[in-house]
């Protein structure tokens, strides 16, 4: 049986946005299957990382369905940080199906996988100044339009989990910090 040409795409997806979906579509033009690594899976309920791994998996799965992307060509894998960079690639290999290529815009991820002999590709980032988790979370805090930057599925999950209120609450200073 021929080995599948699988690619690994890693990102925090805080939250899943239209740029992620465009990168996934482009990547699927180059590989048979894509492994979508939900990075920093251990983090949640922090201003920079407000959503749980499970919430991000659900956002991604539903967004892929919404976009008509064949789920039989995708794997969504939560990937935790282990804070030992030299060992992290082994951690990813352990929790993931086999892959040949790594797609990432993160320079540390690029270096770590390159040092382990993987072909590393920096995907084109779509409208990066607007399509970023940082920008979306900022717009949520400022009560500005963020919904147009994410798939409808992401909006639905954020509403279901009361994510806007979560982010706004996480932005409040503790009394001890005032």
N, C-alpha and C. Protein backbone atom coordinates (compact mmCIF):
# COMPACT_ATOMS: atom_id res chain seq x y z
N UNK A 1 0.83 -1.18 0.00
CA UNK A 1 0.00 0.00 0.00
C UNK A 1 0.88 1.25 0.00
N UNK A 2 0.54 2.20 -0.86
CA UNK A 2 1.31 3.42 -0.99
C UNK A 2 1.15 4.28 0.26
N UNK A 3 2.27 4.79 0.74
CA UNK A 3 2.23 5.68 1.91
C UNK A 3 1.61 7.01 1.50
N UNK A 4 0.69 7.49 2.31
CA UNK A 4 0.00 8.76 2.05
C UNK A 4 0.98 9.93 2.18
N UNK A 5 0.78 10.90 1.34
CA UNK A 5 1.51 12.15 1.43
C UNK A 5 0.74 13.04 2.40
N UNK A 6 1.14 12.98 3.66
CA UNK A 6 0.46 13.72 4.72
C UNK A 6 1.28 14.92 5.13
N UNK A 7 0.60 16.03 5.37
CA UNK A 7 1.26 17.23 5.87
C UNK A 7 0.73 17.59 7.24
N UNK A 8 1.57 18.19 8.04
CA UNK A 8 1.21 18.64 9.38
C UNK A 8 1.19 20.16 9.40
N UNK A 9 0.06 20.72 9.83
CA UNK A 9 -0.09 22.16 10.01
C UNK A 9 -0.33 22.40 11.50
N UNK A 10 0.51 23.22 12.11
CA UNK A 10 0.38 23.48 13.55
C UNK A 10 0.07 24.95 13.78
N UNK A 11 -0.92 25.19 14.64
CA UNK A 11 -1.26 26.55 15.04
C UNK A 11 -2.07 26.52 16.32
N UNK A 12 -2.08 27.64 17.03
CA UNK A 12 -2.84 27.69 18.28
C UNK A 12 -4.34 27.76 18.02
N UNK A 13 -4.74 28.38 16.93
CA UNK A 13 -6.16 28.48 16.54
C UNK A 13 -7.00 29.12 17.65
N UNK A 14 -6.57 30.29 18.08
CA UNK A 14 -7.22 30.99 19.21
C UNK A 14 -7.90 32.27 18.75
N UNK A 15 -8.98 32.25 18.03
CA UNK A 15 -9.80 31.13 17.58
C UNK A 15 -9.49 30.73 16.14
N UNK A 16 -10.18 29.71 15.66
CA UNK A 16 -10.11 29.32 14.24
C UNK A 16 -10.67 30.49 13.42
N UNK A 17 -9.89 30.94 12.42
CA UNK A 17 -10.35 32.06 11.59
C UNK A 17 -10.21 31.74 10.10
N UNK A 18 -10.66 32.67 9.28
CA UNK A 18 -10.69 32.45 7.82
C UNK A 18 -9.30 32.24 7.24
N UNK A 19 -8.28 32.83 7.83
CA UNK A 19 -6.91 32.60 7.35
C UNK A 19 -6.50 31.15 7.53
N UNK A 20 -6.85 30.56 8.67
CA UNK A 20 -6.55 29.14 8.88
C UNK A 20 -7.19 28.28 7.80
N UNK A 21 -8.45 28.57 7.50
CA UNK A 21 -9.18 27.77 6.52
C UNK A 21 -8.54 27.90 5.13
N UNK A 22 -8.11 29.10 4.77
CA UNK A 22 -7.45 29.29 3.47
C UNK A 22 -6.13 28.52 3.39
N UNK A 23 -5.35 28.53 4.48
CA UNK A 23 -4.10 27.78 4.50
C UNK A 23 -4.38 26.27 4.38
N UNK A 24 -5.40 25.80 5.04
CA UNK A 24 -5.76 24.38 4.97
C UNK A 24 -6.15 24.01 3.54
N UNK A 25 -6.96 24.84 2.90
CA UNK A 25 -7.36 24.57 1.51
C UNK A 25 -6.14 24.50 0.60
N UNK A 26 -5.24 25.45 0.74
CA UNK A 26 -4.03 25.46 -0.10
C UNK A 26 -3.14 24.26 0.19
N UNK A 27 -3.01 23.91 1.46
CA UNK A 27 -2.18 22.77 1.83
C UNK A 27 -2.76 21.48 1.24
N UNK A 28 -4.07 21.35 1.24
CA UNK A 28 -4.71 20.15 0.68
C UNK A 28 -4.53 20.04 -0.83
N UNK A 29 -4.08 21.10 -1.48
CA UNK A 29 -3.73 21.01 -2.90
C UNK A 29 -2.36 20.36 -3.08
N UNK A 30 -1.57 20.31 -2.01
CA UNK A 30 -0.21 19.77 -2.08
C UNK A 30 -0.08 18.38 -1.44
N UNK A 31 -0.99 18.03 -0.54
CA UNK A 31 -0.89 16.76 0.18
C UNK A 31 -2.21 15.98 0.05
N UNK A 32 -2.14 14.68 0.29
CA UNK A 32 -3.35 13.84 0.25
C UNK A 32 -4.21 14.05 1.49
N UNK A 33 -3.55 14.23 2.63
CA UNK A 33 -4.24 14.39 3.91
C UNK A 33 -3.50 15.45 4.73
N UNK A 34 -4.25 16.11 5.60
CA UNK A 34 -3.64 17.13 6.46
C UNK A 34 -3.93 16.81 7.92
N UNK A 35 -2.90 16.90 8.70
CA UNK A 35 -3.02 16.79 10.16
C UNK A 35 -3.00 18.21 10.69
N UNK A 36 -4.06 18.59 11.36
CA UNK A 36 -4.17 19.94 11.91
C UNK A 36 -3.84 19.84 13.39
N UNK A 37 -2.68 20.32 13.74
CA UNK A 37 -2.23 20.28 15.13
C UNK A 37 -2.73 21.51 15.87
N UNK A 38 -3.55 21.29 16.88
CA UNK A 38 -4.03 22.38 17.73
C UNK A 38 -2.96 22.60 18.78
N UNK A 39 -2.11 23.60 18.56
CA UNK A 39 -0.96 23.83 19.42
C UNK A 39 -1.31 24.42 20.77
N UNK A 40 -0.38 24.28 21.69
CA UNK A 40 -0.54 24.77 23.07
C UNK A 40 -1.88 24.29 23.64
N UNK A 41 -2.15 23.01 23.42
CA UNK A 41 -3.44 22.42 23.80
C UNK A 41 -3.70 22.47 25.30
N UNK A 42 -2.66 22.58 26.10
CA UNK A 42 -2.83 22.60 27.55
C UNK A 42 -3.30 23.95 28.06
N UNK A 43 -3.26 24.97 27.21
CA UNK A 43 -3.60 26.32 27.64
C UNK A 43 -5.06 26.66 27.35
N UNK A 44 -5.67 27.38 28.28
CA UNK A 44 -7.02 27.92 28.08
C UNK A 44 -7.28 28.95 29.17
N UNK A 45 -8.35 29.67 29.00
CA UNK A 45 -8.81 30.63 30.00
C UNK A 45 -7.73 31.67 30.36
N UNK A 46 -6.94 32.03 29.36
CA UNK A 46 -5.97 33.12 29.47
C UNK A 46 -6.28 34.07 28.32
N UNK A 47 -5.98 35.33 28.46
CA UNK A 47 -6.34 36.31 27.45
C UNK A 47 -5.76 35.94 26.08
N UNK A 48 -4.51 35.49 26.05
CA UNK A 48 -3.88 35.09 24.78
C UNK A 48 -4.39 33.73 24.31
N UNK A 49 -4.83 32.91 25.21
CA UNK A 49 -5.29 31.55 24.90
C UNK A 49 -6.62 31.29 25.62
N UNK A 50 -7.71 31.92 25.15
CA UNK A 50 -8.95 31.82 25.91
C UNK A 50 -9.72 30.51 25.75
N UNK A 51 -9.48 29.78 24.66
CA UNK A 51 -10.31 28.62 24.36
C UNK A 51 -9.59 27.32 24.67
N UNK A 52 -10.35 26.32 25.12
CA UNK A 52 -9.77 25.01 25.43
C UNK A 52 -9.43 24.28 24.14
N UNK A 53 -8.62 23.25 24.24
CA UNK A 53 -8.30 22.43 23.07
C UNK A 53 -9.57 21.84 22.48
N UNK A 54 -10.45 21.36 23.34
CA UNK A 54 -11.70 20.77 22.85
C UNK A 54 -12.57 21.77 22.11
N UNK A 55 -12.62 23.00 22.60
CA UNK A 55 -13.39 24.03 21.92
C UNK A 55 -12.77 24.34 20.56
N UNK A 56 -11.46 24.39 20.49
CA UNK A 56 -10.77 24.67 19.22
C UNK A 56 -10.93 23.52 18.24
N UNK A 57 -10.90 22.29 18.74
CA UNK A 57 -11.14 21.13 17.87
C UNK A 57 -12.54 21.22 17.28
N UNK A 58 -13.52 21.55 18.11
CA UNK A 58 -14.90 21.67 17.64
C UNK A 58 -15.04 22.80 16.62
N UNK A 59 -14.41 23.95 16.90
CA UNK A 59 -14.43 25.06 15.94
C UNK A 59 -13.86 24.61 14.60
N UNK A 60 -12.72 23.92 14.65
CA UNK A 60 -12.06 23.50 13.42
C UNK A 60 -12.90 22.48 12.67
N UNK A 61 -13.37 21.47 13.36
CA UNK A 61 -14.17 20.43 12.70
C UNK A 61 -15.39 21.03 12.02
N UNK A 62 -16.11 21.87 12.75
CA UNK A 62 -17.33 22.46 12.20
C UNK A 62 -17.01 23.42 11.06
N UNK A 63 -15.91 24.15 11.15
CA UNK A 63 -15.50 25.05 10.06
C UNK A 63 -15.14 24.26 8.81
N UNK A 64 -14.45 23.13 8.99
CA UNK A 64 -14.10 22.29 7.83
C UNK A 64 -15.37 21.78 7.14
N UNK A 65 -16.34 21.33 7.93
CA UNK A 65 -17.61 20.87 7.38
C UNK A 65 -18.30 22.01 6.64
N UNK A 66 -18.34 23.18 7.27
CA UNK A 66 -18.96 24.37 6.67
C UNK A 66 -18.34 24.70 5.32
N UNK A 67 -17.02 24.53 5.21
CA UNK A 67 -16.31 24.85 3.97
C UNK A 67 -16.35 23.72 2.94
N UNK A 68 -16.96 22.61 3.31
CA UNK A 68 -17.05 21.48 2.38
C UNK A 68 -15.75 20.72 2.23
N UNK A 69 -14.86 20.83 3.19
CA UNK A 69 -13.58 20.11 3.17
C UNK A 69 -13.83 18.69 3.64
N UNK A 70 -13.33 17.72 2.89
CA UNK A 70 -13.54 16.30 3.17
C UNK A 70 -12.87 15.92 4.49
N UNK A 71 -13.67 15.58 5.49
CA UNK A 71 -13.11 15.20 6.79
C UNK A 71 -12.29 13.93 6.71
N UNK A 72 -12.49 13.12 5.68
CA UNK A 72 -11.67 11.91 5.51
C UNK A 72 -10.23 12.25 5.13
N UNK A 73 -9.97 13.50 4.79
CA UNK A 73 -8.62 13.94 4.45
C UNK A 73 -7.99 14.75 5.57
N UNK A 74 -8.65 14.79 6.73
CA UNK A 74 -8.15 15.62 7.82
C UNK A 74 -8.08 14.84 9.14
N UNK A 75 -7.14 15.22 9.94
CA UNK A 75 -7.01 14.75 11.32
C UNK A 75 -6.83 16.00 12.18
N UNK A 76 -7.53 16.09 13.27
CA UNK A 76 -7.36 17.23 14.18
C UNK A 76 -6.81 16.68 15.48
N UNK A 77 -5.59 17.09 15.81
CA UNK A 77 -4.86 16.54 16.94
C UNK A 77 -4.47 17.65 17.92
N UNK A 78 -4.93 17.60 19.17
CA UNK A 78 -4.42 18.54 20.16
C UNK A 78 -2.95 18.22 20.49
N UNK A 79 -2.12 19.24 20.51
CA UNK A 79 -0.69 19.05 20.78
C UNK A 79 -0.29 19.97 21.93
N UNK A 80 0.16 19.37 23.01
CA UNK A 80 0.59 20.15 24.17
C UNK A 80 2.04 20.59 24.03
N UNK A 81 2.35 21.72 24.64
CA UNK A 81 3.74 22.16 24.77
C UNK A 81 4.38 21.35 25.89
N UNK A 82 5.65 21.04 25.74
CA UNK A 82 6.33 20.33 26.83
C UNK A 82 7.49 21.14 27.38
N UNK A 83 7.74 22.31 26.80
CA UNK A 83 8.78 23.22 27.28
C UNK A 83 10.17 22.59 27.29
N UNK A 84 10.38 21.66 26.41
CA UNK A 84 11.71 21.09 26.13
C UNK A 84 11.79 20.98 24.62
N UNK A 85 12.23 22.06 24.00
CA UNK A 85 12.15 22.17 22.55
C UNK A 85 12.77 21.00 21.81
N UNK A 86 13.89 20.51 22.28
CA UNK A 86 14.58 19.42 21.58
C UNK A 86 13.73 18.14 21.57
N UNK A 87 12.86 17.97 22.55
CA UNK A 87 12.01 16.78 22.64
C UNK A 87 10.63 16.96 22.03
N UNK A 88 10.27 18.19 21.73
CA UNK A 88 8.90 18.48 21.31
C UNK A 88 8.52 17.78 20.01
N UNK A 89 9.42 17.72 19.04
CA UNK A 89 9.10 17.04 17.77
C UNK A 89 8.75 15.58 18.04
N UNK A 90 9.49 14.92 18.93
CA UNK A 90 9.16 13.53 19.28
C UNK A 90 7.78 13.44 19.90
N UNK A 91 7.43 14.41 20.72
CA UNK A 91 6.09 14.46 21.31
C UNK A 91 5.03 14.54 20.21
N UNK A 92 5.25 15.42 19.25
CA UNK A 92 4.30 15.57 18.14
C UNK A 92 4.20 14.27 17.34
N UNK A 93 5.34 13.67 17.05
CA UNK A 93 5.34 12.40 16.30
C UNK A 93 4.57 11.32 17.05
N UNK A 94 4.64 11.33 18.36
CA UNK A 94 3.99 10.31 19.17
C UNK A 94 2.46 10.42 19.13
N UNK A 95 1.92 11.64 19.04
CA UNK A 95 0.47 11.82 19.10
C UNK A 95 -0.18 11.99 17.73
N UNK A 96 0.63 11.94 16.69
CA UNK A 96 0.14 12.25 15.35
C UNK A 96 0.31 11.07 14.40
N UNK A 97 -0.55 10.96 13.38
CA UNK A 97 -0.26 10.01 12.31
C UNK A 97 1.06 10.41 11.63
N UNK A 98 1.70 9.49 10.92
CA UNK A 98 2.95 9.83 10.23
C UNK A 98 2.73 10.94 9.19
N UNK A 99 3.74 11.79 9.00
CA UNK A 99 3.65 12.89 8.05
C UNK A 99 5.02 13.11 7.43
N UNK A 100 5.03 13.75 6.27
CA UNK A 100 6.27 14.02 5.55
C UNK A 100 6.66 15.49 5.57
N UNK A 101 5.67 16.36 5.56
CA UNK A 101 5.91 17.80 5.46
C UNK A 101 5.28 18.50 6.65
N UNK A 102 5.89 19.63 7.02
CA UNK A 102 5.37 20.45 8.10
C UNK A 102 5.12 21.85 7.56
N UNK A 103 3.93 22.35 7.82
CA UNK A 103 3.53 23.68 7.40
C UNK A 103 3.38 24.54 8.64
N UNK A 104 4.17 25.62 8.70
CA UNK A 104 4.09 26.49 9.87
C UNK A 104 4.69 27.85 9.54
N UNK A 105 4.07 28.89 10.07
CA UNK A 105 4.64 30.23 9.98
C UNK A 105 5.45 30.59 11.20
N UNK A 106 5.55 29.67 12.15
CA UNK A 106 6.26 29.91 13.40
C UNK A 106 7.73 29.52 13.23
N UNK A 107 8.63 30.45 13.45
CA UNK A 107 10.05 30.19 13.20
C UNK A 107 10.62 29.09 14.10
N UNK A 108 10.19 29.01 15.35
CA UNK A 108 10.68 27.95 16.23
C UNK A 108 10.23 26.58 15.73
N UNK A 109 8.96 26.46 15.36
CA UNK A 109 8.45 25.20 14.82
C UNK A 109 9.23 24.83 13.56
N UNK A 110 9.49 25.80 12.71
CA UNK A 110 10.24 25.55 11.48
C UNK A 110 11.63 25.00 11.77
N UNK A 111 12.33 25.62 12.70
CA UNK A 111 13.69 25.19 13.04
C UNK A 111 13.68 23.79 13.66
N UNK A 112 12.77 23.54 14.60
CA UNK A 112 12.75 22.25 15.29
C UNK A 112 12.49 21.10 14.33
N UNK A 113 11.53 21.25 13.44
CA UNK A 113 11.23 20.17 12.50
C UNK A 113 12.30 20.05 11.43
N UNK A 114 12.85 21.16 10.99
CA UNK A 114 13.93 21.14 10.00
C UNK A 114 15.14 20.39 10.55
N UNK A 115 15.48 20.64 11.82
CA UNK A 115 16.62 19.95 12.44
C UNK A 115 16.39 18.45 12.54
N UNK A 116 15.14 18.03 12.53
CA UNK A 116 14.83 16.59 12.59
C UNK A 116 14.64 15.99 11.20
N UNK A 117 14.96 16.77 10.16
CA UNK A 117 14.97 16.24 8.80
C UNK A 117 13.66 16.36 8.04
N UNK A 118 12.69 17.06 8.57
CA UNK A 118 11.42 17.23 7.86
C UNK A 118 11.52 18.34 6.84
N UNK A 119 10.76 18.20 5.76
CA UNK A 119 10.58 19.29 4.82
C UNK A 119 9.63 20.28 5.48
N UNK A 120 10.07 21.52 5.60
CA UNK A 120 9.27 22.54 6.28
C UNK A 120 8.89 23.61 5.27
N UNK A 121 7.61 23.94 5.25
CA UNK A 121 7.08 24.92 4.32
C UNK A 121 6.40 26.02 5.12
N UNK A 122 6.75 27.27 4.81
CA UNK A 122 6.08 28.42 5.42
C UNK A 122 4.91 28.78 4.51
N UNK A 123 3.69 28.48 4.92
CA UNK A 123 2.55 28.76 4.05
C UNK A 123 2.32 30.26 3.89
N UNK A 124 1.72 30.63 2.77
CA UNK A 124 1.33 32.02 2.57
C UNK A 124 0.26 32.35 3.60
N UNK A 125 0.45 33.43 4.31
CA UNK A 125 -0.53 33.86 5.30
C UNK A 125 -1.48 34.85 4.63
N UNK A 126 -2.76 34.65 4.82
CA UNK A 126 -3.78 35.44 4.15
C UNK A 126 -4.17 36.64 5.00
N UNK A 127 -3.96 37.83 4.46
CA UNK A 127 -4.38 39.08 5.11
C UNK A 127 -4.02 39.06 6.59
N UNK A 128 -2.76 38.80 6.88
CA UNK A 128 -2.28 38.53 8.24
C UNK A 128 -2.55 39.68 9.22
N UNK A 129 -2.57 40.92 8.74
CA UNK A 129 -2.81 42.05 9.65
C UNK A 129 -4.22 42.00 10.23
N UNK A 130 -5.15 41.40 9.50
CA UNK A 130 -6.53 41.32 9.95
C UNK A 130 -6.87 39.91 10.41
N UNK A 131 -6.41 38.91 9.67
CA UNK A 131 -6.74 37.52 9.99
C UNK A 131 -5.71 36.94 10.95
N UNK A 132 -5.86 37.31 12.20
CA UNK A 132 -5.00 36.76 13.25
C UNK A 132 -5.83 36.64 14.52
N UNK A 133 -5.48 35.66 15.33
CA UNK A 133 -6.18 35.49 16.60
C UNK A 133 -6.07 36.73 17.47
N UNK A 134 -4.91 37.37 17.45
CA UNK A 134 -4.70 38.58 18.25
C UNK A 134 -5.68 39.67 17.84
N UNK A 135 -5.82 39.88 16.54
CA UNK A 135 -6.74 40.91 16.04
C UNK A 135 -8.18 40.56 16.38
N UNK A 136 -8.55 39.30 16.25
CA UNK A 136 -9.92 38.89 16.54
C UNK A 136 -10.23 39.07 18.02
N UNK A 137 -9.32 38.65 18.90
CA UNK A 137 -9.54 38.82 20.34
C UNK A 137 -9.61 40.30 20.71
N UNK A 138 -8.78 41.13 20.07
CA UNK A 138 -8.81 42.59 20.30
C UNK A 138 -10.17 43.15 19.89
N UNK A 139 -10.67 42.73 18.75
CA UNK A 139 -11.97 43.23 18.29
C UNK A 139 -13.10 42.78 19.21
N UNK A 140 -13.00 41.57 19.72
CA UNK A 140 -14.01 41.10 20.68
C UNK A 140 -14.01 42.03 21.90
N UNK A 141 -12.82 42.35 22.39
CA UNK A 141 -12.72 43.23 23.57
C UNK A 141 -13.25 44.63 23.29
N UNK A 142 -13.09 45.12 22.07
CA UNK A 142 -13.49 46.48 21.71
C UNK A 142 -14.92 46.54 21.16
N UNK A 143 -15.63 45.41 21.19
CA UNK A 143 -17.00 45.34 20.63
C UNK A 143 -17.03 45.78 19.17
N UNK A 144 -16.00 45.38 18.42
CA UNK A 144 -15.93 45.65 16.99
C UNK A 144 -16.26 44.37 16.24
N UNK A 145 -16.46 44.51 14.92
CA UNK A 145 -16.78 43.34 14.10
C UNK A 145 -15.63 42.34 14.09
N UNK A 146 -15.85 41.17 14.62
CA UNK A 146 -14.90 40.07 14.56
C UNK A 146 -15.50 38.90 13.80
N UNK A 147 -16.83 38.86 13.75
CA UNK A 147 -17.54 37.72 13.16
C UNK A 147 -17.21 37.54 11.68
N UNK A 148 -16.94 38.64 10.97
CA UNK A 148 -16.65 38.52 9.53
C UNK A 148 -15.27 37.91 9.27
N UNK A 149 -14.44 37.79 10.31
CA UNK A 149 -13.08 37.27 10.15
C UNK A 149 -12.97 35.78 10.42
N UNK A 150 -14.07 35.18 10.86
CA UNK A 150 -14.04 33.77 11.24
C UNK A 150 -15.18 33.02 10.55
N UNK A 151 -15.04 31.71 10.39
CA UNK A 151 -16.15 30.94 9.84
C UNK A 151 -17.37 31.04 10.74
N UNK A 152 -18.54 30.89 10.15
CA UNK A 152 -19.79 30.91 10.92
C UNK A 152 -19.73 29.89 12.06
N UNK A 153 -19.10 28.74 11.80
CA UNK A 153 -18.97 27.70 12.82
C UNK A 153 -18.23 28.20 14.05
N UNK A 154 -17.21 29.02 13.85
CA UNK A 154 -16.46 29.58 14.98
C UNK A 154 -17.34 30.53 15.78
N UNK A 155 -18.10 31.37 15.08
CA UNK A 155 -19.02 32.28 15.76
C UNK A 155 -19.98 31.47 16.61
N UNK A 156 -20.54 30.40 16.04
CA UNK A 156 -21.52 29.59 16.76
C UNK A 156 -20.93 28.96 18.03
N UNK A 157 -19.70 28.45 17.94
CA UNK A 157 -19.07 27.84 19.11
C UNK A 157 -18.77 28.90 20.16
N UNK A 158 -18.24 30.04 19.74
CA UNK A 158 -17.93 31.12 20.70
C UNK A 158 -19.21 31.56 21.40
N UNK A 159 -20.31 31.66 20.66
CA UNK A 159 -21.58 32.02 21.29
C UNK A 159 -22.05 30.92 22.23
N UNK A 160 -21.92 29.65 21.80
CA UNK A 160 -22.37 28.52 22.62
C UNK A 160 -21.66 28.48 23.97
N UNK A 161 -20.38 28.78 24.00
CA UNK A 161 -19.59 28.69 25.23
C UNK A 161 -19.51 30.03 25.97
N UNK A 162 -20.21 31.04 25.45
CA UNK A 162 -20.17 32.37 26.04
C UNK A 162 -18.74 32.93 26.02
N UNK A 163 -18.07 32.71 24.89
CA UNK A 163 -16.67 33.07 24.75
C UNK A 163 -16.38 34.56 24.77
N UNK A 164 -17.32 35.37 24.28
CA UNK A 164 -17.10 36.83 24.31
C UNK A 164 -17.01 37.29 25.76
N UNK A 165 -17.94 36.84 26.59
CA UNK A 165 -17.90 37.21 28.01
C UNK A 165 -16.63 36.67 28.67
N UNK A 166 -16.23 35.47 28.29
CA UNK A 166 -15.00 34.89 28.87
C UNK A 166 -13.81 35.79 28.58
N UNK A 167 -13.66 36.19 27.32
CA UNK A 167 -12.51 37.02 26.95
C UNK A 167 -12.58 38.36 27.69
N UNK A 168 -13.74 38.95 27.75
CA UNK A 168 -13.87 40.24 28.44
C UNK A 168 -13.57 40.08 29.93
N UNK A 169 -14.00 39.00 30.53
CA UNK A 169 -13.71 38.77 31.94
C UNK A 169 -12.21 38.55 32.16
N UNK A 170 -11.58 37.81 31.26
CA UNK A 170 -10.14 37.55 31.38
C UNK A 170 -9.32 38.84 31.24
N UNK A 171 -9.88 39.84 30.59
CA UNK A 171 -9.19 41.10 30.38
C UNK A 171 -9.24 42.01 31.61
N UNK A 172 -10.11 41.71 32.54
CA UNK A 172 -10.22 42.54 33.75
C UNK A 172 -9.00 42.34 34.64
N UNK A 173 -8.56 43.41 35.23
CA UNK A 173 -7.44 43.35 36.18
C UNK A 173 -7.95 42.83 37.51
N UNK A 174 -7.13 42.02 38.14
CA UNK A 174 -7.47 41.59 39.50
C UNK A 174 -7.31 42.77 40.44
N UNK A 175 -8.06 42.76 41.50
CA UNK A 175 -8.01 43.85 42.48
C UNK A 175 -6.57 44.05 42.95
N UNK A 176 -5.82 42.97 43.12
CA UNK A 176 -4.43 43.08 43.59
C UNK A 176 -3.52 43.74 42.57
N UNK A 177 -3.97 43.81 41.31
CA UNK A 177 -3.14 44.42 40.26
C UNK A 177 -3.45 45.90 40.08
N UNK A 178 -4.50 46.40 40.73
CA UNK A 178 -4.88 47.80 40.56
C UNK A 178 -4.08 48.73 41.43
